[in-house]
Protein backbone atom coordinates (compact mmCIF):
# COMPACT_ATOMS: atom_id res chain seq x y z
CA MET A 1 168.73 95.54 -5.13
CA ALA A 2 170.37 98.65 -6.68
CA HIS A 3 173.16 97.98 -9.10
CA PRO A 4 176.13 100.31 -9.30
CA LYS A 5 175.98 102.74 -12.25
CA ILE A 6 178.47 101.82 -15.05
CA GLU A 7 180.97 104.54 -15.85
CA LEU A 8 182.86 103.88 -19.10
CA ALA A 9 185.33 106.33 -20.60
CA GLN A 10 183.85 107.87 -23.71
CA LYS A 11 186.73 106.36 -25.76
CA VAL A 12 185.77 102.90 -24.52
CA GLN A 13 182.10 103.41 -25.31
CA SER A 14 182.96 104.63 -28.78
CA SER A 15 185.27 101.58 -29.35
CA LEU A 16 182.62 99.14 -28.19
CA LYS A 17 179.96 100.73 -30.46
CA ASP A 18 182.35 100.85 -33.40
CA ALA A 19 183.25 97.22 -33.04
CA SER A 20 179.58 96.04 -32.61
CA ILE A 21 178.74 97.92 -35.92
CA LYS A 22 181.77 96.53 -37.94
CA LEU A 23 181.43 93.05 -36.84
CA THR A 24 178.78 90.56 -38.26
CA GLY A 25 177.44 87.21 -37.70
CA TYR A 26 178.70 84.95 -34.94
CA LYS A 27 181.75 87.12 -34.52
CA LYS A 28 179.56 90.09 -33.57
CA ARG A 29 177.50 87.96 -31.06
CA THR A 30 180.59 86.43 -29.45
CA PHE A 31 182.11 89.95 -29.10
CA MET A 32 178.94 91.36 -27.65
CA ALA A 33 178.48 88.52 -25.23
CA GLN A 34 182.09 88.93 -24.02
CA ALA A 35 181.81 92.73 -23.59
CA THR A 36 178.59 92.18 -21.81
CA LEU A 37 180.19 89.94 -19.27
CA ASP A 38 183.50 92.07 -18.97
CA TYR A 39 181.82 95.50 -18.76
CA PHE A 40 178.22 95.20 -17.91
CA GLY A 41 178.11 92.43 -15.29
CA GLY A 42 176.35 90.21 -17.64
CA SER A 43 173.32 92.44 -18.11
CA PRO A 44 172.11 92.48 -21.70
CA ARG A 45 169.97 95.50 -20.99
CA LYS A 46 173.04 97.57 -19.95
CA ALA A 47 174.94 96.42 -22.95
CA GLU A 48 172.04 97.33 -25.26
CA THR A 49 172.07 100.90 -23.65
CA TYR A 50 175.72 101.49 -24.04
CA MET A 51 176.57 99.52 -27.24
CA GLY A 52 173.29 100.10 -29.13
CA CYS A 53 172.82 96.29 -29.77
CA SER A 54 169.74 94.25 -29.04
CA LYS A 55 169.39 92.30 -25.89
CA ASP A 56 168.72 89.15 -27.88
CA SER A 57 171.98 89.42 -29.67
CA SER A 58 174.12 89.40 -26.54
CA LYS A 59 172.13 86.57 -25.04
CA ARG A 60 172.31 84.32 -28.05
CA ALA A 61 176.06 83.94 -28.18
């Protein structure tokens, strides 16, 4: 089953990456998990591609 390609504005992508770099610990994992649900349909692999975080981080929160 094919999933629709995610199109995020460059500004949104930049903000997500910036936040994931600046946050640490449980705050970072919580943010990444919520962003994964909100923007990437709950797919850690997609979040990893767009935010540059590891799949395990977004799954752990």
